[in-house]
N, C-alpha and C. Protein backbone atom coordinates (compact mmCIF):
# COMPACT_ATOMS: atom_id res chain seq x y z
N MET A 1 -14.95 -83.56 -56.54
CA MET A 1 -15.23 -82.34 -57.25
C MET A 1 -15.41 -81.21 -56.24
N THR A 2 -14.78 -80.08 -56.50
CA THR A 2 -14.90 -78.91 -55.65
C THR A 2 -16.23 -78.23 -55.94
N MET A 3 -16.99 -77.97 -54.90
CA MET A 3 -18.31 -77.35 -55.08
C MET A 3 -18.37 -76.04 -54.31
N VAL A 4 -18.65 -74.94 -54.99
CA VAL A 4 -18.85 -73.66 -54.33
C VAL A 4 -20.22 -73.63 -53.67
N ALA A 5 -21.13 -74.46 -54.15
CA ALA A 5 -22.49 -74.49 -53.60
C ALA A 5 -22.49 -74.92 -52.14
N ASP A 6 -21.40 -75.57 -51.68
CA ASP A 6 -21.32 -75.94 -50.28
C ASP A 6 -21.33 -74.70 -49.39
N ALA A 7 -20.75 -73.60 -49.89
CA ALA A 7 -20.66 -72.37 -49.11
C ALA A 7 -21.71 -71.35 -49.51
N LYS A 8 -22.13 -71.34 -50.76
CA LYS A 8 -23.07 -70.35 -51.27
C LYS A 8 -24.14 -71.03 -52.10
N THR A 9 -25.30 -70.39 -52.18
CA THR A 9 -26.33 -70.89 -53.08
C THR A 9 -26.00 -70.40 -54.49
N TYR A 10 -26.60 -71.02 -55.49
CA TYR A 10 -26.38 -70.59 -56.87
C TYR A 10 -26.79 -69.13 -57.04
N ALA A 11 -27.88 -68.72 -56.40
CA ALA A 11 -28.34 -67.33 -56.52
C ALA A 11 -27.29 -66.37 -55.95
N GLU A 12 -26.66 -66.73 -54.86
CA GLU A 12 -25.60 -65.89 -54.28
C GLU A 12 -24.40 -65.81 -55.21
N ILE A 13 -24.08 -66.93 -55.86
CA ILE A 13 -22.97 -66.94 -56.82
C ILE A 13 -23.28 -65.99 -57.97
N LEU A 14 -24.51 -66.06 -58.50
CA LEU A 14 -24.91 -65.19 -59.60
C LEU A 14 -24.90 -63.73 -59.18
N HIS A 15 -25.31 -63.44 -57.96
CA HIS A 15 -25.34 -62.07 -57.47
C HIS A 15 -23.94 -61.47 -57.37
N ASP A 16 -22.92 -62.29 -57.23
CA ASP A 16 -21.53 -61.82 -57.15
C ASP A 16 -20.95 -61.46 -58.52
N ILE A 17 -21.65 -61.81 -59.60
CA ILE A 17 -21.19 -61.48 -60.95
C ILE A 17 -21.61 -60.05 -61.26
N PRO A 18 -20.66 -59.18 -61.65
CA PRO A 18 -21.01 -57.78 -61.87
C PRO A 18 -22.22 -57.57 -62.79
N ALA A 19 -22.36 -58.35 -63.84
CA ALA A 19 -23.48 -58.18 -64.77
C ALA A 19 -24.83 -58.47 -64.11
N LEU A 20 -24.83 -59.20 -63.00
CA LEU A 20 -26.08 -59.57 -62.34
C LEU A 20 -26.20 -59.02 -60.92
N SER A 21 -25.22 -58.24 -60.48
CA SER A 21 -25.19 -57.78 -59.09
C SER A 21 -26.33 -56.84 -58.72
N SER A 22 -26.93 -56.18 -59.71
CA SER A 22 -28.05 -55.28 -59.40
C SER A 22 -29.39 -56.01 -59.36
N CYS A 23 -29.39 -57.29 -59.68
CA CYS A 23 -30.64 -58.06 -59.69
C CYS A 23 -31.12 -58.34 -58.27
N ASP A 24 -32.41 -58.32 -58.11
CA ASP A 24 -33.04 -58.63 -56.84
C ASP A 24 -32.73 -60.09 -56.48
N PRO A 25 -32.23 -60.36 -55.28
CA PRO A 25 -31.93 -61.74 -54.89
C PRO A 25 -33.13 -62.69 -55.02
N ALA A 26 -34.35 -62.18 -54.79
CA ALA A 26 -35.54 -63.03 -54.92
C ALA A 26 -35.73 -63.45 -56.38
N VAL A 27 -35.44 -62.55 -57.31
CA VAL A 27 -35.55 -62.87 -58.73
C VAL A 27 -34.51 -63.92 -59.10
N LEU A 28 -33.29 -63.77 -58.59
CA LEU A 28 -32.24 -64.76 -58.86
C LEU A 28 -32.60 -66.12 -58.28
N ASP A 29 -33.18 -66.13 -57.07
CA ASP A 29 -33.62 -67.40 -56.47
C ASP A 29 -34.65 -68.10 -57.36
N LEU A 30 -35.61 -67.34 -57.86
CA LEU A 30 -36.64 -67.90 -58.74
C LEU A 30 -36.01 -68.41 -60.03
N PHE A 31 -35.10 -67.64 -60.60
CA PHE A 31 -34.41 -68.02 -61.84
C PHE A 31 -33.66 -69.33 -61.65
N VAL A 32 -32.90 -69.44 -60.58
CA VAL A 32 -32.12 -70.65 -60.32
C VAL A 32 -33.03 -71.85 -60.09
N GLY A 33 -34.13 -71.63 -59.39
CA GLY A 33 -35.04 -72.73 -59.07
C GLY A 33 -35.86 -73.23 -60.24
N GLU A 34 -36.13 -72.37 -61.22
CA GLU A 34 -37.07 -72.76 -62.27
C GLU A 34 -36.54 -72.67 -63.70
N VAL A 35 -35.50 -71.87 -63.96
CA VAL A 35 -35.13 -71.58 -65.33
C VAL A 35 -33.72 -72.00 -65.71
N VAL A 36 -32.76 -71.77 -64.87
CA VAL A 36 -31.35 -71.92 -65.25
C VAL A 36 -31.02 -73.33 -65.75
N PHE A 37 -30.16 -73.38 -66.77
CA PHE A 37 -29.71 -74.64 -67.34
C PHE A 37 -28.38 -75.00 -66.71
N THR A 38 -28.27 -76.21 -66.16
CA THR A 38 -27.04 -76.68 -65.55
C THR A 38 -26.41 -77.72 -66.47
N MET A 39 -25.14 -77.50 -66.81
CA MET A 39 -24.42 -78.40 -67.70
C MET A 39 -23.35 -79.13 -66.89
N HIS A 40 -23.31 -80.44 -67.05
CA HIS A 40 -22.29 -81.26 -66.40
C HIS A 40 -21.30 -81.70 -67.48
N THR A 41 -20.01 -81.48 -67.23
CA THR A 41 -18.98 -81.79 -68.21
C THR A 41 -17.91 -82.66 -67.56
N ALA A 42 -17.56 -83.76 -68.21
CA ALA A 42 -16.54 -84.67 -67.69
C ALA A 42 -15.15 -84.06 -67.82
N ALA A 43 -14.26 -84.47 -66.95
CA ALA A 43 -12.88 -83.99 -66.98
C ALA A 43 -12.28 -84.22 -68.37
N GLY A 44 -11.56 -83.20 -68.87
CA GLY A 44 -10.91 -83.29 -70.17
C GLY A 44 -11.79 -82.85 -71.33
N ARG A 45 -13.08 -82.68 -71.12
CA ARG A 45 -14.00 -82.29 -72.19
C ARG A 45 -14.10 -80.76 -72.26
N GLU A 46 -14.48 -80.30 -73.45
CA GLU A 46 -14.61 -78.87 -73.68
C GLU A 46 -15.94 -78.34 -73.14
N ILE A 47 -15.88 -77.23 -72.40
CA ILE A 47 -17.08 -76.58 -71.89
C ILE A 47 -17.54 -75.52 -72.89
N ARG A 48 -16.58 -74.78 -73.41
CA ARG A 48 -16.86 -73.73 -74.39
C ARG A 48 -15.82 -73.81 -75.50
N SER A 49 -16.29 -73.83 -76.73
CA SER A 49 -15.42 -73.91 -77.90
C SER A 49 -14.97 -72.52 -78.32
N ARG A 50 -13.83 -72.43 -78.96
CA ARG A 50 -13.36 -71.17 -79.55
C ARG A 50 -14.37 -70.63 -80.56
N LEU A 51 -15.12 -71.52 -81.17
CA LEU A 51 -16.07 -71.14 -82.22
C LEU A 51 -17.43 -70.72 -81.67
N ASP A 52 -17.62 -70.81 -80.36
CA ASP A 52 -18.90 -70.48 -79.74
C ASP A 52 -19.21 -69.01 -79.97
N SER A 53 -20.36 -68.73 -80.54
CA SER A 53 -20.76 -67.34 -80.78
C SER A 53 -22.13 -67.05 -80.18
N THR A 54 -22.54 -67.86 -79.21
CA THR A 54 -23.87 -67.71 -78.62
C THR A 54 -24.00 -66.50 -77.71
N GLY A 55 -22.89 -66.04 -77.14
CA GLY A 55 -22.95 -64.95 -76.18
C GLY A 55 -23.40 -65.41 -74.81
N ASN A 56 -23.49 -66.73 -74.60
CA ASN A 56 -23.92 -67.26 -73.31
C ASN A 56 -22.91 -66.92 -72.23
N LEU A 57 -23.42 -66.71 -71.02
CA LEU A 57 -22.60 -66.52 -69.84
C LEU A 57 -22.50 -67.87 -69.15
N PHE A 58 -21.28 -68.31 -68.87
CA PHE A 58 -21.06 -69.59 -68.20
C PHE A 58 -20.52 -69.31 -66.80
N VAL A 59 -21.10 -69.99 -65.80
CA VAL A 59 -20.69 -69.80 -64.42
C VAL A 59 -20.29 -71.16 -63.86
N LEU A 60 -19.03 -71.30 -63.51
CA LEU A 60 -18.52 -72.56 -62.96
C LEU A 60 -18.95 -72.66 -61.50
N VAL A 61 -19.73 -73.69 -61.17
CA VAL A 61 -20.20 -73.87 -59.79
C VAL A 61 -19.65 -75.13 -59.14
N GLY A 62 -18.99 -75.97 -59.92
CA GLY A 62 -18.40 -77.19 -59.37
C GLY A 62 -17.26 -77.66 -60.24
N GLY A 63 -16.23 -78.21 -59.62
CA GLY A 63 -15.08 -78.70 -60.37
C GLY A 63 -14.09 -77.60 -60.66
N SER A 64 -13.25 -77.83 -61.68
CA SER A 64 -12.28 -76.82 -62.09
C SER A 64 -12.13 -76.89 -63.60
N ALA A 65 -11.61 -75.81 -64.18
CA ALA A 65 -11.47 -75.72 -65.62
C ALA A 65 -10.28 -74.83 -65.96
N VAL A 66 -9.88 -74.87 -67.23
CA VAL A 66 -8.81 -74.00 -67.72
C VAL A 66 -9.33 -73.22 -68.92
N LEU A 67 -9.18 -71.90 -68.86
CA LEU A 67 -9.53 -71.03 -69.97
C LEU A 67 -8.27 -70.86 -70.82
N ASP A 68 -8.38 -71.13 -72.10
CA ASP A 68 -7.26 -71.04 -73.04
C ASP A 68 -7.55 -69.92 -74.04
N ALA A 69 -6.78 -68.82 -73.93
CA ALA A 69 -6.96 -67.69 -74.84
C ALA A 69 -5.78 -67.58 -75.79
N GLY A 70 -5.24 -68.71 -76.19
CA GLY A 70 -4.10 -68.72 -77.11
C GLY A 70 -2.80 -68.80 -76.34
N ASP A 71 -2.20 -67.66 -76.04
CA ASP A 71 -0.95 -67.65 -75.29
C ASP A 71 -1.16 -67.40 -73.80
N VAL A 72 -2.40 -67.30 -73.35
CA VAL A 72 -2.72 -67.07 -71.95
C VAL A 72 -3.64 -68.19 -71.47
N TYR A 73 -3.30 -68.77 -70.32
CA TYR A 73 -4.13 -69.81 -69.70
C TYR A 73 -4.52 -69.33 -68.31
N VAL A 74 -5.79 -69.53 -67.97
CA VAL A 74 -6.29 -69.10 -66.66
C VAL A 74 -6.99 -70.28 -66.01
N ALA A 75 -6.57 -70.60 -64.77
CA ALA A 75 -7.22 -71.66 -64.00
C ALA A 75 -8.52 -71.10 -63.43
N LEU A 76 -9.61 -71.83 -63.63
CA LEU A 76 -10.92 -71.41 -63.14
C LEU A 76 -11.37 -72.33 -62.02
N GLU A 77 -12.02 -71.74 -61.04
CA GLU A 77 -12.54 -72.51 -59.91
C GLU A 77 -13.99 -72.09 -59.67
N PRO A 78 -14.70 -72.81 -58.83
CA PRO A 78 -16.11 -72.48 -58.59
C PRO A 78 -16.29 -71.01 -58.20
N GLY A 79 -17.28 -70.40 -58.85
CA GLY A 79 -17.56 -68.99 -58.65
C GLY A 79 -17.04 -68.14 -59.81
N ASP A 80 -16.10 -68.68 -60.60
CA ASP A 80 -15.58 -67.95 -61.76
C ASP A 80 -16.58 -68.04 -62.91
N TYR A 81 -16.54 -67.07 -63.80
CA TYR A 81 -17.46 -67.04 -64.94
C TYR A 81 -16.69 -66.61 -66.19
N PHE A 82 -17.26 -66.93 -67.34
CA PHE A 82 -16.64 -66.59 -68.62
C PHE A 82 -17.71 -66.53 -69.68
N GLY A 83 -17.35 -65.94 -70.82
CA GLY A 83 -18.31 -65.79 -71.90
C GLY A 83 -19.15 -64.55 -71.69
N GLY A 84 -20.34 -64.58 -72.17
CA GLY A 84 -21.23 -63.44 -72.04
C GLY A 84 -21.14 -62.56 -73.27
N ASP A 85 -22.21 -61.86 -73.52
CA ASP A 85 -22.31 -61.00 -74.69
C ASP A 85 -21.99 -59.58 -74.27
N THR A 86 -20.70 -59.28 -74.07
CA THR A 86 -20.31 -57.97 -73.56
C THR A 86 -20.24 -56.93 -74.66
N GLY A 87 -19.91 -57.34 -75.88
CA GLY A 87 -19.76 -56.39 -76.96
C GLY A 87 -18.53 -55.51 -76.81
N ARG A 88 -17.70 -55.79 -75.81
CA ARG A 88 -16.52 -54.96 -75.55
C ARG A 88 -15.23 -55.54 -76.11
N HIS A 89 -15.23 -56.81 -76.43
CA HIS A 89 -13.99 -57.42 -76.90
C HIS A 89 -14.29 -58.59 -77.82
N ASP A 90 -13.28 -58.98 -78.54
CA ASP A 90 -13.41 -60.13 -79.43
C ASP A 90 -12.45 -61.23 -78.97
N LEU A 91 -12.44 -61.53 -77.69
CA LEU A 91 -11.55 -62.54 -77.14
C LEU A 91 -11.95 -63.91 -77.66
N THR A 92 -11.00 -64.56 -78.31
CA THR A 92 -11.22 -65.93 -78.76
C THR A 92 -10.66 -66.84 -77.69
N MET A 93 -11.50 -67.70 -77.16
CA MET A 93 -11.06 -68.57 -76.07
C MET A 93 -11.84 -69.87 -76.09
N SER A 94 -11.25 -70.85 -75.46
CA SER A 94 -11.95 -72.10 -75.20
C SER A 94 -11.77 -72.41 -73.72
N VAL A 95 -12.65 -73.24 -73.19
CA VAL A 95 -12.56 -73.63 -71.79
C VAL A 95 -12.74 -75.13 -71.72
N ARG A 96 -11.82 -75.78 -71.00
CA ARG A 96 -11.83 -77.23 -70.86
C ARG A 96 -11.89 -77.59 -69.38
N ALA A 97 -12.71 -78.58 -69.05
CA ALA A 97 -12.83 -79.05 -67.66
C ALA A 97 -11.57 -79.78 -67.24
N GLU A 98 -10.97 -79.38 -66.14
CA GLU A 98 -9.81 -80.08 -65.59
C GLU A 98 -10.25 -81.31 -64.81
N GLU A 99 -11.35 -81.16 -64.10
CA GLU A 99 -12.01 -82.27 -63.41
C GLU A 99 -13.49 -82.15 -63.73
N ASP A 100 -14.27 -83.16 -63.38
CA ASP A 100 -15.70 -83.08 -63.66
C ASP A 100 -16.22 -81.72 -63.19
N ALA A 101 -16.97 -81.06 -64.08
CA ALA A 101 -17.41 -79.69 -63.79
C ALA A 101 -18.91 -79.55 -63.91
N GLU A 102 -19.43 -78.62 -63.14
CA GLU A 102 -20.84 -78.23 -63.22
C GLU A 102 -20.87 -76.75 -63.54
N VAL A 103 -21.62 -76.39 -64.58
CA VAL A 103 -21.64 -75.02 -65.08
C VAL A 103 -23.08 -74.57 -65.29
N LEU A 104 -23.39 -73.35 -64.84
CA LEU A 104 -24.68 -72.73 -65.14
C LEU A 104 -24.52 -72.00 -66.47
N VAL A 105 -25.47 -72.17 -67.38
CA VAL A 105 -25.42 -71.54 -68.69
C VAL A 105 -26.59 -70.56 -68.78
N ILE A 106 -26.25 -69.28 -69.01
CA ILE A 106 -27.26 -68.22 -69.03
C ILE A 106 -27.17 -67.50 -70.37
N THR A 107 -28.28 -67.46 -71.10
CA THR A 107 -28.30 -66.84 -72.42
C THR A 107 -28.33 -65.31 -72.28
N PRO A 108 -27.93 -64.58 -73.34
CA PRO A 108 -28.01 -63.12 -73.30
C PRO A 108 -29.44 -62.62 -73.04
N GLN A 109 -30.42 -63.30 -73.60
CA GLN A 109 -31.82 -62.92 -73.38
C GLN A 109 -32.18 -63.08 -71.90
N GLN A 110 -31.72 -64.15 -71.27
CA GLN A 110 -32.01 -64.35 -69.85
C GLN A 110 -31.35 -63.27 -69.00
N VAL A 111 -30.12 -62.87 -69.35
CA VAL A 111 -29.45 -61.79 -68.61
C VAL A 111 -30.29 -60.52 -68.71
N ALA A 112 -30.76 -60.19 -69.92
CA ALA A 112 -31.58 -58.99 -70.11
C ALA A 112 -32.88 -59.09 -69.31
N GLU A 113 -33.51 -60.25 -69.31
CA GLU A 113 -34.75 -60.44 -68.56
C GLU A 113 -34.51 -60.32 -67.06
N LEU A 114 -33.38 -60.85 -66.58
CA LEU A 114 -33.04 -60.73 -65.16
C LEU A 114 -32.85 -59.26 -64.78
N HIS A 115 -32.18 -58.50 -65.64
CA HIS A 115 -32.00 -57.07 -65.38
C HIS A 115 -33.35 -56.37 -65.31
N GLN A 116 -34.21 -56.67 -66.27
CA GLN A 116 -35.52 -56.02 -66.33
C GLN A 116 -36.36 -56.39 -65.11
N ALA A 117 -36.42 -57.66 -64.80
CA ALA A 117 -37.23 -58.11 -63.67
C ALA A 117 -36.65 -57.64 -62.35
N GLY A 118 -35.33 -57.62 -62.25
CA GLY A 118 -34.67 -57.23 -61.00
C GLY A 118 -34.64 -55.73 -60.79
N SER A 119 -34.77 -54.95 -61.86
CA SER A 119 -34.64 -53.50 -61.72
C SER A 119 -35.89 -52.85 -61.17
N ARG A 120 -37.03 -53.52 -61.20
CA ARG A 120 -38.25 -52.89 -60.70
C ARG A 120 -38.15 -52.57 -59.22
N ARG A 121 -37.30 -53.31 -58.50
CA ARG A 121 -37.10 -53.06 -57.08
C ARG A 121 -36.52 -51.66 -56.85
N HIS A 122 -35.76 -51.16 -57.83
CA HIS A 122 -35.11 -49.86 -57.70
C HIS A 122 -35.98 -48.70 -58.20
N HIS A 123 -37.10 -49.00 -58.83
CA HIS A 123 -37.97 -47.97 -59.37
C HIS A 123 -39.03 -47.61 -58.34
N PRO A 124 -39.32 -46.32 -58.18
CA PRO A 124 -40.30 -45.92 -57.15
C PRO A 124 -41.67 -46.56 -57.30
N SER A 125 -42.08 -46.87 -58.52
CA SER A 125 -43.41 -47.45 -58.71
C SER A 125 -43.46 -48.91 -58.29
N ASN A 126 -42.32 -49.58 -58.27
CA ASN A 126 -42.23 -51.01 -57.97
C ASN A 126 -43.23 -51.79 -58.83
N ALA A 127 -43.45 -51.28 -60.06
CA ALA A 127 -44.42 -51.90 -60.98
C ALA A 127 -43.96 -53.28 -61.39
N ASP A 128 -44.92 -54.17 -61.48
CA ASP A 128 -44.62 -55.53 -61.92
C ASP A 128 -44.32 -55.52 -63.41
N TRP A 129 -43.39 -56.33 -63.82
CA TRP A 129 -43.00 -56.39 -65.22
C TRP A 129 -43.19 -57.81 -65.71
N SER A 130 -43.74 -57.93 -66.89
CA SER A 130 -43.93 -59.25 -67.48
C SER A 130 -43.56 -59.19 -68.94
N PRO A 131 -42.71 -60.12 -69.41
CA PRO A 131 -42.33 -60.10 -70.82
C PRO A 131 -43.48 -60.47 -71.74
N GLU A 132 -44.58 -60.96 -71.20
CA GLU A 132 -45.71 -61.38 -72.03
C GLU A 132 -46.64 -60.23 -72.37
N VAL A 133 -46.36 -59.02 -71.89
CA VAL A 133 -47.23 -57.88 -72.18
C VAL A 133 -47.25 -57.66 -73.69
N ALA A 134 -48.45 -57.59 -74.24
CA ALA A 134 -48.59 -57.45 -75.69
C ALA A 134 -48.26 -56.03 -76.11
N VAL A 135 -47.53 -55.91 -77.19
CA VAL A 135 -47.21 -54.62 -77.77
C VAL A 135 -48.08 -54.48 -79.01
N PRO A 136 -48.82 -53.36 -79.13
CA PRO A 136 -49.66 -53.21 -80.31
C PRO A 136 -48.81 -53.25 -81.57
N SER A 137 -49.30 -53.94 -82.57
CA SER A 137 -48.53 -54.05 -83.81
C SER A 137 -48.92 -52.92 -84.74
N LEU A 138 -48.00 -52.54 -85.58
CA LEU A 138 -48.23 -51.50 -86.57
C LEU A 138 -48.86 -52.16 -87.79
N ARG A 139 -49.99 -51.65 -88.21
CA ARG A 139 -50.67 -52.22 -89.37
C ARG A 139 -50.58 -51.21 -90.49
N LEU A 140 -49.93 -51.58 -91.57
CA LEU A 140 -49.78 -50.68 -92.71
C LEU A 140 -50.95 -50.84 -93.66
N LEU A 141 -51.41 -49.70 -94.17
CA LEU A 141 -52.48 -49.72 -95.16
C LEU A 141 -51.88 -49.97 -96.53
N PRO A 142 -52.61 -50.64 -97.42
CA PRO A 142 -52.12 -50.76 -98.79
C PRO A 142 -51.90 -49.37 -99.36
N SER A 143 -50.97 -49.23 -100.28
CA SER A 143 -50.54 -47.91 -100.74
C SER A 143 -51.68 -47.06 -101.30
N ARG A 144 -52.63 -47.61 -102.07
CA ARG A 144 -53.74 -46.81 -102.61
C ARG A 144 -54.61 -46.27 -101.48
N ARG A 145 -54.93 -47.14 -100.54
CA ARG A 145 -55.77 -46.72 -99.41
C ARG A 145 -55.03 -45.68 -98.56
N ARG A 146 -53.74 -45.86 -98.40
CA ARG A 146 -52.95 -44.92 -97.63
C ARG A 146 -52.95 -43.55 -98.31
N LEU A 147 -52.75 -43.52 -99.63
CA LEU A 147 -52.76 -42.27 -100.37
C LEU A 147 -54.13 -41.61 -100.29
N ALA A 148 -55.19 -42.41 -100.40
CA ALA A 148 -56.54 -41.87 -100.30
C ALA A 148 -56.79 -41.30 -98.91
N ALA A 149 -56.30 -41.99 -97.90
CA ALA A 149 -56.49 -41.52 -96.53
C ALA A 149 -55.73 -40.22 -96.32
N LEU A 150 -54.54 -40.09 -96.89
CA LEU A 150 -53.77 -38.87 -96.77
C LEU A 150 -54.46 -37.72 -97.51
N ALA A 151 -55.01 -38.00 -98.71
CA ALA A 151 -55.68 -36.98 -99.50
C ALA A 151 -56.92 -36.46 -98.77
N ASN A 152 -57.67 -37.39 -98.14
CA ASN A 152 -58.89 -37.00 -97.44
C ASN A 152 -58.59 -36.23 -96.14
N SER A 153 -57.42 -36.44 -95.57
CA SER A 153 -57.11 -35.77 -94.32
C SER A 153 -56.60 -34.35 -94.56
N GLY A 154 -56.37 -33.99 -95.84
CA GLY A 154 -55.91 -32.64 -96.14
C GLY A 154 -54.40 -32.51 -96.03
N SER A 155 -53.69 -33.63 -95.90
CA SER A 155 -52.24 -33.56 -95.80
C SER A 155 -51.58 -33.56 -97.15
């Protein structure tokens, strides 16, 4: 099996993808070490179905695959990526492993979180960001109480 990881780390591979190139390398290292899902697919098996609508970004890091877009076929090798929630096209495609393959699978939410976490390096405040920060919830008053509150406020 051909492995790109022999020459580059997974974080370096992810940093080469335009959608993730602005991410802080330290954030990508942490993501690869603790979060990323690695999928192993045997030769001849499907990596991504034409019916897949998850928006996941797939990054081939080992082996080889073929992308089938109907009348167009593209040979994929380690470092190539496909899928993703771009919102720019409706390309229907499937991807099949030519030889045993290793693929990193990144959800659209993870891409957004990587952008958010990685972008603080570019902000002058360098403020820490955490997705767990609580957002105050909006509490609606029952309609009678709301009307009474509006009447009492002079509105």
